[in-house]
Amino acid sequence: MNLINQWWVWAAGGFLLAILEMVLPGYILLGFGIGAGVVAMVLLLADIAGTTPASMPVLILLFAVASLVAWYLLQRLFARDPKQVKTFEKDINDN
């Protein structure tokens, strides 16, 4: 039994990465977590259908592509507008 072909391993990894994103924010780990969730869903659907899961290189490629797409969408969704300038009204050293 190869653990990389188990859907629950990918789901647990995605959940762990999503939790780590809350501790270390930056929208990087969440993209990897979403990618692991996509692979977990594909493996779960293959398990329900009774088909053999994909090979390890295909799973890694699916994980990489899903993570890249998720990261790009998160950057587009949550990124600050580049035209928006951050201004400060009060200096931290002023009383």
PDB file of N, CA and C in Angstrom:
ATOM      1  N   MET A   1       0.851  -1.178   0.000  1.00  0.00           N
ATOM      2  CA  MET A   1       0.000   0.000   0.000  1.00  0.00           C
ATOM      3  C   MET A   1       0.899   1.243   0.000  1.00  0.00           C
ATOM      4  N   ASN A   2       0.786   2.013  -1.055  1.00  0.00           N
ATOM      5  CA  ASN A   2       1.572   3.230  -1.207  1.00  0.00           C
ATOM      6  C   ASN A   2       0.774   4.408  -0.653  1.00  0.00           C
ATOM      7  N   LEU A   3       1.363   5.138   0.291  1.00  0.00           N
ATOM      8  CA  LEU A   3       0.621   6.227   0.933  1.00  0.00           C
ATOM      9  C   LEU A   3       0.340   7.394  -0.002  1.00  0.00           C
ATOM     10  N   ILE A   4       1.139   7.570  -1.036  1.00  0.00           N
ATOM     11  CA  ILE A   4       0.903   8.710  -1.932  1.00  0.00           C
ATOM     12  C   ILE A   4      -0.366   8.504  -2.754  1.00  0.00           C
ATOM     13  N   ASN A   5      -0.852   7.291  -2.830  1.00  0.00           N
ATOM     14  CA  ASN A   5      -2.091   7.012  -3.559  1.00  0.00           C
ATOM     15  C   ASN A   5      -3.322   7.007  -2.658  1.00  0.00           C
ATOM     16  N   GLN A   6      -3.173   7.377  -1.401  1.00  0.00           N
ATOM     17  CA  GLN A   6      -4.286   7.408  -0.464  1.00  0.00           C
ATOM     18  C   GLN A   6      -4.858   8.824  -0.398  1.00  0.00           C
ATOM     19  N   TRP A   7      -6.162   8.944  -0.577  1.00  0.00           N
ATOM     20  CA  TRP A   7      -6.784  10.266  -0.607  1.00  0.00           C
ATOM     21  C   TRP A   7      -6.697  10.964   0.738  1.00  0.00           C
ATOM     22  N   TRP A   8      -6.775  10.215   1.828  1.00  0.00           N
ATOM     23  CA  TRP A   8      -6.785  10.834   3.149  1.00  0.00           C
ATOM     24  C   TRP A   8      -5.432  11.442   3.508  1.00  0.00           C
ATOM     25  N   VAL A   9      -4.345  10.919   2.922  1.00  0.00           N
ATOM     26  CA  VAL A   9      -3.025  11.508   3.164  1.00  0.00           C
ATOM     27  C   VAL A   9      -2.952  12.886   2.524  1.00  0.00           C
ATOM     28  N   TRP A  10      -3.460  12.998   1.307  1.00  0.00           N
ATOM     29  CA  TRP A  10      -3.473  14.293   0.626  1.00  0.00           C
ATOM     30  C   TRP A  10      -4.413  15.271   1.331  1.00  0.00           C
ATOM     31  N   ALA A  11      -5.554  14.785   1.805  1.00  0.00           N
ATOM     32  CA  ALA A  11      -6.498  15.652   2.519  1.00  0.00           C
ATOM     33  C   ALA A  11      -5.901  16.144   3.834  1.00  0.00           C
ATOM     34  N   ALA A  12      -5.229  15.264   4.555  1.00  0.00           N
ATOM     35  CA  ALA A  12      -4.591  15.675   5.811  1.00  0.00           C
ATOM     36  C   ALA A  12      -3.467  16.675   5.544  1.00  0.00           C
ATOM     37  N   GLY A  13      -2.695  16.451   4.483  1.00  0.00           N
ATOM     38  CA  GLY A  13      -1.638  17.398   4.124  1.00  0.00           C
ATOM     39  C   GLY A  13      -2.198  18.755   3.735  1.00  0.00           C
ATOM     40  N   GLY A  14      -3.282  18.762   2.972  1.00  0.00           N
ATOM     41  CA  GLY A  14      -3.917  20.022   2.595  1.00  0.00           C
ATOM     42  C   GLY A  14      -4.484  20.757   3.792  1.00  0.00           C
ATOM     43  N   PHE A  15      -5.075  20.009   4.721  1.00  0.00           N
ATOM     44  CA  PHE A  15      -5.618  20.612   5.941  1.00  0.00           C
ATOM     45  C   PHE A  15      -4.493  21.196   6.795  1.00  0.00           C
ATOM     46  N   LEU A  16      -3.390  20.471   6.909  1.00  0.00           N
ATOM     47  CA  LEU A  16      -2.249  20.961   7.675  1.00  0.00           C
ATOM     48  C   LEU A  16      -1.661  22.225   7.048  1.00  0.00           C
ATOM     49  N   LEU A  17      -1.565  22.262   5.737  1.00  0.00           N
ATOM     50  CA  LEU A  17      -1.053  23.458   5.065  1.00  0.00           C
ATOM     51  C   LEU A  17      -2.000  24.642   5.227  1.00  0.00           C
ATOM     52  N   ALA A  18      -3.296  24.390   5.234  1.00  0.00           N
ATOM     53  CA  ALA A  18      -4.258  25.478   5.453  1.00  0.00           C
ATOM     54  C   ALA A  18      -4.141  26.027   6.869  1.00  0.00           C
ATOM     55  N   ILE A  19      -3.909  25.162   7.842  1.00  0.00           N
ATOM     56  CA  ILE A  19      -3.715  25.624   9.216  1.00  0.00           C
ATOM     57  C   ILE A  19      -2.411  26.402   9.332  1.00  0.00           C
ATOM     58  N   LEU A  20      -1.362  25.930   8.701  1.00  0.00           N
ATOM     59  CA  LEU A  20      -0.089  26.654   8.736  1.00  0.00           C
ATOM     60  C   LEU A  20      -0.201  28.020   8.070  1.00  0.00           C
ATOM     61  N   GLU A  21      -1.084  28.148   7.092  1.00  0.00           N
ATOM     62  CA  GLU A  21      -1.291  29.450   6.447  1.00  0.00           C
ATOM     63  C   GLU A  21      -1.847  30.466   7.442  1.00  0.00           C
ATOM     64  N   MET A  22      -2.643  29.998   8.388  1.00  0.00           N
ATOM     65  CA  MET A  22      -3.168  30.917   9.398  1.00  0.00           C
ATOM     66  C   MET A  22      -2.061  31.392  10.336  1.00  0.00           C
ATOM     67  N   VAL A  23      -1.083  30.549  10.582  1.00  0.00           N
ATOM     68  CA  VAL A  23       0.021  30.915  11.461  1.00  0.00           C
ATOM     69  C   VAL A  23       1.050  31.765  10.711  1.00  0.00           C
ATOM     70  N   LEU A  24       1.316  31.411   9.471  1.00  0.00           N
ATOM     71  CA  LEU A  24       2.298  32.108   8.639  1.00  0.00           C
ATOM     72  C   LEU A  24       1.606  32.646   7.388  1.00  0.00           C
ATOM     73  N   PRO A  25       0.907  33.786   7.490  1.00  0.00           N
ATOM     74  CA  PRO A  25       0.142  34.264   6.339  1.00  0.00           C
ATOM     75  C   PRO A  25       1.042  34.716   5.195  1.00  0.00           C
ATOM     76  N   GLY A  26       0.546  34.554   4.004  1.00  0.00           N
ATOM     77  CA  GLY A  26       1.279  34.967   2.825  1.00  0.00           C
ATOM     78  C   GLY A  26       0.675  34.428   1.542  1.00  0.00           C
ATOM     79  N   TYR A  27      -0.403  33.691   1.627  1.00  0.00           N
ATOM     80  CA  TYR A  27      -1.116  33.097   0.493  1.00  0.00           C
ATOM     81  C   TYR A  27      -0.259  32.114  -0.294  1.00  0.00           C
ATOM     82  N   ILE A  28       0.787  31.589   0.308  1.00  0.00           N
ATOM     83  CA  ILE A  28       1.606  30.600  -0.384  1.00  0.00           C
ATOM     84  C   ILE A  28       1.191  29.201   0.051  1.00  0.00           C
ATOM     85  N   LEU A  29       1.143  28.964   1.336  1.00  0.00           N
ATOM     86  CA  LEU A  29       0.800  27.640   1.838  1.00  0.00           C
ATOM     87  C   LEU A  29      -0.650  27.282   1.534  1.00  0.00           C
ATOM     88  N   LEU A  30      -1.524  28.277   1.477  1.00  0.00           N
ATOM     89  CA  LEU A  30      -2.923  28.002   1.169  1.00  0.00           C
ATOM     90  C   LEU A  30      -3.064  27.484  -0.263  1.00  0.00           C
ATOM     91  N   GLY A  31      -2.260  28.001  -1.178  1.00  0.00           N
ATOM     92  CA  GLY A  31      -2.273  27.490  -2.548  1.00  0.00           C
ATOM     93  C   GLY A  31      -1.856  26.037  -2.610  1.00  0.00           C
ATOM     94  N   PHE A  32      -0.820  25.680  -1.843  1.00  0.00           N
ATOM     95  CA  PHE A  32      -0.403  24.277  -1.781  1.00  0.00           C
ATOM     96  C   PHE A  32      -1.474  23.418  -1.110  1.00  0.00           C
ATOM     97  N   GLY A  33      -2.133  23.966  -0.107  1.00  0.00           N
ATOM     98  CA  GLY A  33      -3.210  23.230   0.559  1.00  0.00           C
ATOM     99  C   GLY A  33      -4.378  22.962  -0.369  1.00  0.00           C
ATOM    100  N   ILE A  34      -4.725  23.954  -1.176  1.00  0.00           N
ATOM    101  CA  ILE A  34      -5.803  23.767  -2.149  1.00  0.00           C
ATOM    102  C   ILE A  34      -5.396  22.732  -3.194  1.00  0.00           C
ATOM    103  N   GLY A  35      -4.143  22.771  -3.624  1.00  0.00           N
ATOM    104  CA  GLY A  35      -3.645  21.776  -4.578  1.00  0.00           C
ATOM    105  C   GLY A  35      -3.715  20.369  -4.014  1.00  0.00           C
ATOM    106  N   ALA A  36      -3.357  20.216  -2.742  1.00  0.00           N
ATOM    107  CA  ALA A  36      -3.456  18.900  -2.103  1.00  0.00           C
ATOM    108  C   ALA A  36      -4.917  18.475  -1.972  1.00  0.00           C
ATOM    109  N   GLY A  37      -5.812  19.432  -1.730  1.00  0.00           N
ATOM    110  CA  GLY A  37      -7.232  19.110  -1.666  1.00  0.00           C
ATOM    111  C   GLY A  37      -7.782  18.642  -3.002  1.00  0.00           C
ATOM    112  N   VAL A  38      -7.310  19.243  -4.073  1.00  0.00           N
ATOM    113  CA  VAL A  38      -7.744  18.817  -5.416  1.00  0.00           C
ATOM    114  C   VAL A  38      -7.288  17.380  -5.681  1.00  0.00           C
ATOM    115  N   VAL A  39      -6.052  17.077  -5.340  1.00  0.00           N
ATOM    116  CA  VAL A  39      -5.548  15.711  -5.538  1.00  0.00           C
ATOM    117  C   VAL A  39      -6.331  14.733  -4.661  1.00  0.00           C
ATOM    118  N   ALA A  40      -6.655  15.135  -3.437  1.00  0.00           N
ATOM    119  CA  ALA A  40      -7.442  14.270  -2.554  1.00  0.00           C
ATOM    120  C   ALA A  40      -8.815  13.991  -3.151  1.00  0.00           C
ATOM    121  N   MET A  41      -9.441  15.008  -3.731  1.00  0.00           N
ATOM    122  CA  MET A  41     -10.762  14.808  -4.343  1.00  0.00           C
ATOM    123  C   MET A  41     -10.678  13.872  -5.552  1.00  0.00           C
ATOM    124  N   VAL A  42      -9.643  14.039  -6.361  1.00  0.00           N
ATOM    125  CA  VAL A  42      -9.480  13.156  -7.526  1.00  0.00           C
ATOM    126  C   VAL A  42      -9.279  11.716  -7.073  1.00  0.00           C
ATOM    127  N   LEU A  43      -8.445  11.511  -6.055  1.00  0.00           N
ATOM    128  CA  LEU A  43      -8.213  10.150  -5.560  1.00  0.00           C
ATOM    129  C   LEU A  43      -9.458   9.565  -4.898  1.00  0.00           C
ATOM    130  N   LEU A  44     -10.210  10.403  -4.183  1.00  0.00           N
ATOM    131  CA  LEU A  44     -11.446   9.925  -3.558  1.00  0.00           C
ATOM    132  C   LEU A  44     -12.468   9.524  -4.614  1.00  0.00           C
ATOM    133  N   LEU A  45     -12.611  10.331  -5.655  1.00  0.00           N
ATOM    134  CA  LEU A  45     -13.541   9.985  -6.736  1.00  0.00           C
ATOM    135  C   LEU A  45     -13.103   8.717  -7.464  1.00  0.00           C
ATOM    136  N   ALA A  46     -11.791   8.536  -7.640  1.00  0.00           N
ATOM    137  CA  ALA A  46     -11.293   7.316  -8.266  1.00  0.00           C
ATOM    138  C   ALA A  46     -11.551   6.112  -7.361  1.00  0.00           C
ATOM    139  N   ASP A  47     -11.441   6.314  -6.054  1.00  0.00           N
ATOM    140  CA  ASP A  47     -11.697   5.227  -5.111  1.00  0.00           C
ATOM    141  C   ASP A  47     -13.177   4.848  -5.096  1.00  0.00           C
ATOM    142  N   ILE A  48     -14.049   5.848  -5.143  1.00  0.00           N
ATOM    143  CA  ILE A  48     -15.491   5.582  -5.169  1.00  0.00           C
ATOM    144  C   ILE A  48     -15.887   4.884  -6.462  1.00  0.00           C
ATOM    145  N   ALA A  49     -15.300   5.307  -7.575  1.00  0.00           N
ATOM    146  CA  ALA A  49     -15.624   4.702  -8.865  1.00  0.00           C
ATOM    147  C   ALA A  49     -15.024   3.309  -9.016  1.00  0.00           C
ATOM    148  N   GLY A  50     -14.068   2.967  -8.157  1.00  0.00           N
ATOM    149  CA  GLY A  50     -13.464   1.647  -8.219  1.00  0.00           C
ATOM    150  C   GLY A  50     -12.355   1.534  -9.238  1.00  0.00           C
ATOM    151  N   THR A  51     -11.857   2.652  -9.726  1.00  0.00           N
ATOM    152  CA  THR A  51     -10.763   2.609 -10.690  1.00  0.00           C
ATOM    153  C   THR A  51      -9.431   2.717  -9.954  1.00  0.00           C
ATOM    154  N   THR A  52      -8.386   2.365 -10.646  1.00  0.00           N
ATOM    155  CA  THR A  52      -7.062   2.475 -10.045  1.00  0.00           C
ATOM    156  C   THR A  52      -6.626   3.937 -10.061  1.00  0.00           C
ATOM    157  N   PRO A  53      -5.975   4.387  -8.998  1.00  0.00           N
ATOM    158  CA  PRO A  53      -5.540   5.784  -8.970  1.00  0.00           C
ATOM    159  C   PRO A  53      -4.412   6.026  -9.965  1.00  0.00           C
ATOM    160  N   ALA A  54      -4.180   7.272 -10.238  1.00  0.00           N
ATOM    161  CA  ALA A  54      -3.130   7.652 -11.179  1.00  0.00           C
ATOM    162  C   ALA A  54      -1.760   7.339 -10.589  1.00  0.00           C
ATOM    163  N   SER A  55      -0.774   7.326 -11.460  1.00  0.00           N
ATOM    164  CA  SER A  55       0.583   7.056 -11.002  1.00  0.00           C
ATOM    165  C   SER A  55       1.134   8.261 -10.246  1.00  0.00           C
ATOM    166  N   MET A  56       2.238   8.045  -9.556  1.00  0.00           N
ATOM    167  CA  MET A  56       2.822   9.100  -8.738  1.00  0.00           C
ATOM    168  C   MET A  56       3.222  10.335  -9.557  1.00  0.00           C
ATOM    169  N   PRO A  57       3.860  10.206 -10.728  1.00  0.00           N
ATOM    170  CA  PRO A  57       4.186  11.418 -11.489  1.00  0.00           C
ATOM    171  C   PRO A  57       2.953  12.214 -11.914  1.00  0.00           C
ATOM    172  N   VAL A  58       1.871  11.533 -12.225  1.00  0.00           N
ATOM    173  CA  VAL A  58       0.645  12.233 -12.611  1.00  0.00           C
ATOM    174  C   VAL A  58       0.057  12.968 -11.408  1.00  0.00           C
ATOM    175  N   LEU A  59       0.094  12.338 -10.234  1.00  0.00           N
ATOM    176  CA  LEU A  59      -0.404  12.993  -9.034  1.00  0.00           C
ATOM    177  C   LEU A  59       0.427  14.219  -8.668  1.00  0.00           C
ATOM    178  N   ILE A  60       1.734  14.109  -8.797  1.00  0.00           N
ATOM    179  CA  ILE A  60       2.618  15.247  -8.500  1.00  0.00           C
ATOM    180  C   ILE A  60       2.375  16.369  -9.499  1.00  0.00           C
ATOM    181  N   LEU A  61       2.191  16.026 -10.767  1.00  0.00           N
ATOM    182  CA  LEU A  61       1.906  17.051 -11.777  1.00  0.00           C
ATOM    183  C   LEU A  61       0.556  17.721 -11.515  1.00  0.00           C
ATOM    184  N   LEU A  62      -0.446  16.939 -11.161  1.00  0.00           N
ATOM    185  CA  LEU A  62      -1.759  17.500 -10.824  1.00  0.00           C
ATOM    186  C   LEU A  62      -1.660  18.419  -9.610  1.00  0.00           C
ATOM    187  N   PHE A  63      -0.897  18.007  -8.603  1.00  0.00           N
ATOM    188  CA  PHE A  63      -0.685  18.823  -7.420  1.00  0.00           C
ATOM    189  C   PHE A  63       0.004  20.140  -7.781  1.00  0.00           C
ATOM    190  N   ALA A  64       1.023  20.077  -8.617  1.00  0.00           N
ATOM    191  CA  ALA A  64       1.761  21.286  -8.995  1.00  0.00           C
ATOM    192  C   ALA A  64       0.882  22.247  -9.790  1.00  0.00           C
ATOM    193  N   VAL A  65       0.136  21.730 -10.741  1.00  0.00           N
ATOM    194  CA  VAL A  65      -0.721  22.589 -11.568  1.00  0.00           C
ATOM    195  C   VAL A  65      -1.850  23.187 -10.737  1.00  0.00           C
ATOM    196  N   ALA A  66      -2.489  22.376  -9.907  1.00  0.00           N
ATOM    197  CA  ALA A  66      -3.581  22.878  -9.070  1.00  0.00           C
ATOM    198  C   ALA A  66      -3.066  23.907  -8.061  1.00  0.00           C
ATOM    199  N   SER A  67      -1.889  23.693  -7.510  1.00  0.00           N
ATOM    200  CA  SER A  67      -1.305  24.649  -6.569  1.00  0.00           C
ATOM    201  C   SER A  67      -0.969  25.962  -7.257  1.00  0.00           C
ATOM    202  N   LEU A  68      -0.426  25.888  -8.455  1.00  0.00           N
ATOM    203  CA  LEU A  68      -0.079  27.099  -9.194  1.00  0.00           C
ATOM    204  C   LEU A  68      -1.327  27.900  -9.560  1.00  0.00           C
ATOM    205  N   VAL A  69      -2.362  27.227 -10.006  1.00  0.00           N
ATOM    206  CA  VAL A  69      -3.608  27.911 -10.352  1.00  0.00           C
ATOM    207  C   VAL A  69      -4.238  28.521  -9.103  1.00  0.00           C
ATOM    208  N   ALA A  70      -4.232  27.777  -7.992  1.00  0.00           N
ATOM    209  CA  ALA A  70      -4.808  28.298  -6.746  1.00  0.00           C
ATOM    210  C   ALA A  70      -4.016  29.497  -6.249  1.00  0.00           C
ATOM    211  N   TRP A  71      -2.686  29.424  -6.317  1.00  0.00           N
ATOM    212  CA  TRP A  71      -1.863  30.549  -5.881  1.00  0.00           C
ATOM    213  C   TRP A  71      -2.137  31.790  -6.739  1.00  0.00           C
ATOM    214  N   TYR A  72      -2.235  31.599  -8.045  1.00  0.00           N
ATOM    215  CA  TYR A  72      -2.499  32.725  -8.944  1.00  0.00           C
ATOM    216  C   TYR A  72      -3.865  33.352  -8.645  1.00  0.00           C
ATOM    217  N   LEU A  73      -4.881  32.522  -8.447  1.00  0.00           N
ATOM    218  CA  LEU A  73      -6.210  33.045  -8.145  1.00  0.00           C
ATOM    219  C   LEU A  73      -6.253  33.754  -6.794  1.00  0.00           C
ATOM    220  N   LEU A  74      -5.537  33.223  -5.810  1.00  0.00           N
ATOM    221  CA  LEU A  74      -5.477  33.893  -4.510  1.00  0.00           C
ATOM    222  C   LEU A  74      -4.771  35.234  -4.612  1.00  0.00           C
ATOM    223  N   GLN A  75      -3.708  35.299  -5.411  1.00  0.00           N
ATOM    224  CA  GLN A  75      -3.007  36.566  -5.588  1.00  0.00           C
ATOM    225  C   GLN A  75      -3.893  37.590  -6.285  1.00  0.00           C
ATOM    226  N   ARG A  76      -4.643  37.160  -7.260  1.00  0.00           N
ATOM    227  CA  ARG A  76      -5.541  38.078  -7.970  1.00  0.00           C
ATOM    228  C   ARG A  76      -6.705  38.513  -7.080  1.00  0.00           C
ATOM    229  N   LEU A  77      -7.179  37.619  -6.237  1.00  0.00           N
ATOM    230  CA  LEU A  77      -8.341  37.898  -5.410  1.00  0.00           C
ATOM    231  C   LEU A  77      -8.005  38.772  -4.203  1.00  0.00           C
ATOM    232  N   PHE A  78      -6.874  38.514  -3.549  1.00  0.00           N
ATOM    233  CA  PHE A  78      -6.557  39.184  -2.302  1.00  0.00           C
ATOM    234  C   PHE A  78      -5.436  40.212  -2.392  1.00  0.00           C
ATOM    235  N   ALA A  79      -4.878  40.411  -3.547  1.00  0.00           N
ATOM    236  CA  ALA A  79      -3.765  41.360  -3.674  1.00  0.00           C
ATOM    237  C   ALA A  79      -4.273  42.794  -3.528  1.00  0.00           C
ATOM    238  N   ARG A  80      -3.409  43.626  -2.973  1.00  0.00           N
ATOM    239  CA  ARG A  80      -3.737  45.044  -2.834  1.00  0.00           C
ATOM    240  C   ARG A  80      -3.615  45.702  -4.203  1.00  0.00           C
ATOM    241  N   ASP A  81      -4.468  46.671  -4.445  1.00  0.00           N
ATOM    242  CA  ASP A  81      -4.448  47.390  -5.707  1.00  0.00           C
ATOM    243  C   ASP A  81      -3.124  48.143  -5.834  1.00  0.00           C
ATOM    244  N   PRO A  82      -2.370  47.943  -6.922  1.00  0.00           N
ATOM    245  CA  PRO A  82      -1.075  48.621  -7.049  1.00  0.00           C
ATOM    246  C   PRO A  82      -1.206  50.136  -7.161  1.00  0.00           C
ATOM    247  N   LYS A  83      -2.363  50.631  -7.533  1.00  0.00           N
ATOM    248  CA  LYS A  83      -2.568  52.072  -7.629  1.00  0.00           C
ATOM    249  C   LYS A  83      -2.825  52.693  -6.262  1.00  0.00           C
ATOM    250  N   GLN A  84      -3.180  51.856  -5.306  1.00  0.00           N
ATOM    251  CA  GLN A  84      -3.483  52.339  -3.967  1.00  0.00           C
ATOM    252  C   GLN A  84      -2.166  52.552  -3.211  1.00  0.00           C
ATOM    253  N   VAL A  85      -1.990  53.756  -2.686  1.00  0.00           N
ATOM    254  CA  VAL A  85      -0.784  54.095  -1.955  1.00  0.00           C
ATOM    255  C   VAL A  85      -1.099  54.087  -0.471  1.00  0.00           C
ATOM    256  N   LYS A  86      -0.230  53.464   0.294  1.00  0.00           N
ATOM    257  CA  LYS A  86      -0.438  53.423   1.733  1.00  0.00           C
ATOM    258  C   LYS A  86       0.107  54.711   2.341  1.00  0.00           C
ATOM    259  N   THR A  87      -0.740  55.438   3.050  1.00  0.00           N
ATOM    260  CA  THR A  87      -0.325  56.686   3.688  1.00  0.00           C
ATOM    261  C   THR A  87      -0.515  56.576   5.186  1.00  0.00           C
ATOM    262  N   PHE A  88       0.284  57.325   5.906  1.00  0.00           N
ATOM    263  CA  PHE A  88       0.212  57.351   7.360  1.00  0.00           C
ATOM    264  C   PHE A  88      -0.142  58.757   7.797  1.00  0.00           C
ATOM    265  N   GLU A  89      -1.131  58.853   8.675  1.00  0.00           N
ATOM    266  CA  GLU A  89      -1.576  60.163   9.189  1.00  0.00           C
ATOM    267  C   GLU A  89      -0.796  60.569  10.420  1.00  0.00           C
ATOM    268  N   LYS A  90      -0.347  59.592  11.183  1.00  0.00           N
ATOM    269  CA  LYS A  90       0.320  59.894  12.435  1.00  0.00           C
ATOM    270  C   LYS A  90       1.578  59.047  12.544  1.00  0.00           C
ATOM    271  N   ASP A  91       2.636  59.659  13.033  1.00  0.00           N
ATOM    272  CA  ASP A  91       3.881  58.954  13.231  1.00  0.00           C
ATOM    273  C   ASP A  91       3.796  58.137  14.528  1.00  0.00           C
ATOM    274  N   ILE A  92       4.427  56.999  14.540  1.00  0.00           N
ATOM    275  CA  ILE A  92       4.382  56.143  15.724  1.00  0.00           C
ATOM    276  C   ILE A  92       5.081  56.796  16.920  1.00  0.00           C
ATOM    277  N   ASN A  93       6.031  57.691  16.670  1.00  0.00           N
ATOM    278  CA  ASN A  93       6.765  58.338  17.740  1.00  0.00           C
ATOM    279  C   ASN A  93       6.099  59.587  18.270  1.00  0.00           C
ATOM    280  N   ASP A  94       5.053  60.065  17.603  1.00  0.00           N
ATOM    281  CA  ASP A  94       4.337  61.247  18.106  1.00  0.00           C
ATOM    282  C   ASP A  94       3.471  60.866  19.294  1.00  0.00           C
ATOM    283  N   ASN A  95       3.331  61.820  20.214  1.00  0.00           N
ATOM    284  CA  ASN A  95       2.474  61.567  21.374  1.00  0.00           C
ATOM    285  C   ASN A  95       1.094  62.074  21.142  1.00  0.00           C
TER     286      ASN A  95
END
